[in-house]
């Protein structure tokens, strides 16, 4: 009887060990930060990660069988950066080749590359001027669209027959890649050069929210009368730029779009490559529309840490109201972070719930708890990011969150109705 009991006990322990081994062997996403912009994005946080691969998303750049015949023997230029890649495996997307390298291997005549903010390899700080140069790997000339000149000149377009646009966007008005898209389309329309857009998913396409830009406050961090989060891909947005006449002087750009396969606006999408130095993972990308408001204030939004746009803080906040502290230091993507070397009191948002709307509470709380309200807003910058003067006034006047959100609704409904006619994906 003792033998049977012991045998049962041993069998149970054996099965338990096997079960534990199997569970511990399940592969989990790595929790490391990418050191370079062209390196894979950190996957320490993924929005609805369990259903990430329910569809096999195929980005435009991967559909070579569709667009290579369109390129043919043309002399082309590429607007691209570190995200302009072809994935070798469309499921896990962890192995890829740059679009330039792929096209060159097919003897496509790439005359030059135009680089947006952060540069062709994506290493420049936000707002840091990008210089012209040559790609070290290929020797192809690189012309900056984020320096003295944000629009391609007629001279720079004189030796090309087709422009290819392939950049991963995050669907936020003050993220400048859509401003670059505008100027590229405008220049190409003026010079009768068609634009081929290789579309990619928008990781923030699952909602539309925020104040709509007033045209008098248009700038490179917001050129068009759209909400802060617009819910469109680059391809859809290009259609709207054409359709709404935003290029001016009756111009329309000749565009052709290679759509993403197996994609809808509600399909979760993990970005395998960080789209800019200070958006290191999906959590940061999800929080970016909400924390981006802090760029126009005295609050640091995690720049100078390894958790950019996943926390916020300032020396003007106090330990009585905020128990989280950090010290911004120069790092990749932030050579001169706000409050460098100072203790910042604030909030760690790395474990916050994924958002499907803009969260204003953090902005309101930071203002209300600031020791220096009179200098909290960098008014010109904040207005440019908000797209209007009203939001700052509402916060300073103590208007409630609910009232502020209600003030957006009429414009949001008008935009949604307008947006519908330009959608490629539902």
Foldseek 3Di string as FASTA:
>chain_A
DVVVVVVVVVVVVVVVVVVVVVVVPDDDFDQDFDAFQLAWFRAPDFDVVVCQQVDQKAFLLQPCVPCVVVQDAFAEEEEAASLQWHAPDSRPSNDTDHSVVVCVVVVHHHQAYEYEPCGRHQQAAVLDADCWDADPVPRHTYHYLRHPHVADDPVNCVRGQEYEYEAQDQQFQQPQPLLSVLRDQLSCLVVVHAYEYGKDAHQLLLAAAAAFADCVLADSRHHDRGGRGHNAISQLVLLLCQVVVVSDPNTHHHYDYRHMPPDFSPNHHWGGGQRHFQQRGSQQSQQCSQCVLQVQFLKFQQAQHSNHNQWIWDPQADCVVAVDWDARDQGGNPNPGRRHRHITGTDGRNPPDGDNYHDHVRVLVCLVRGNCNVRGGNQSVSCSNNNHNVVVVCSVVVPDPVVVRVVRPVVRVVSVVSSVVSDPHD
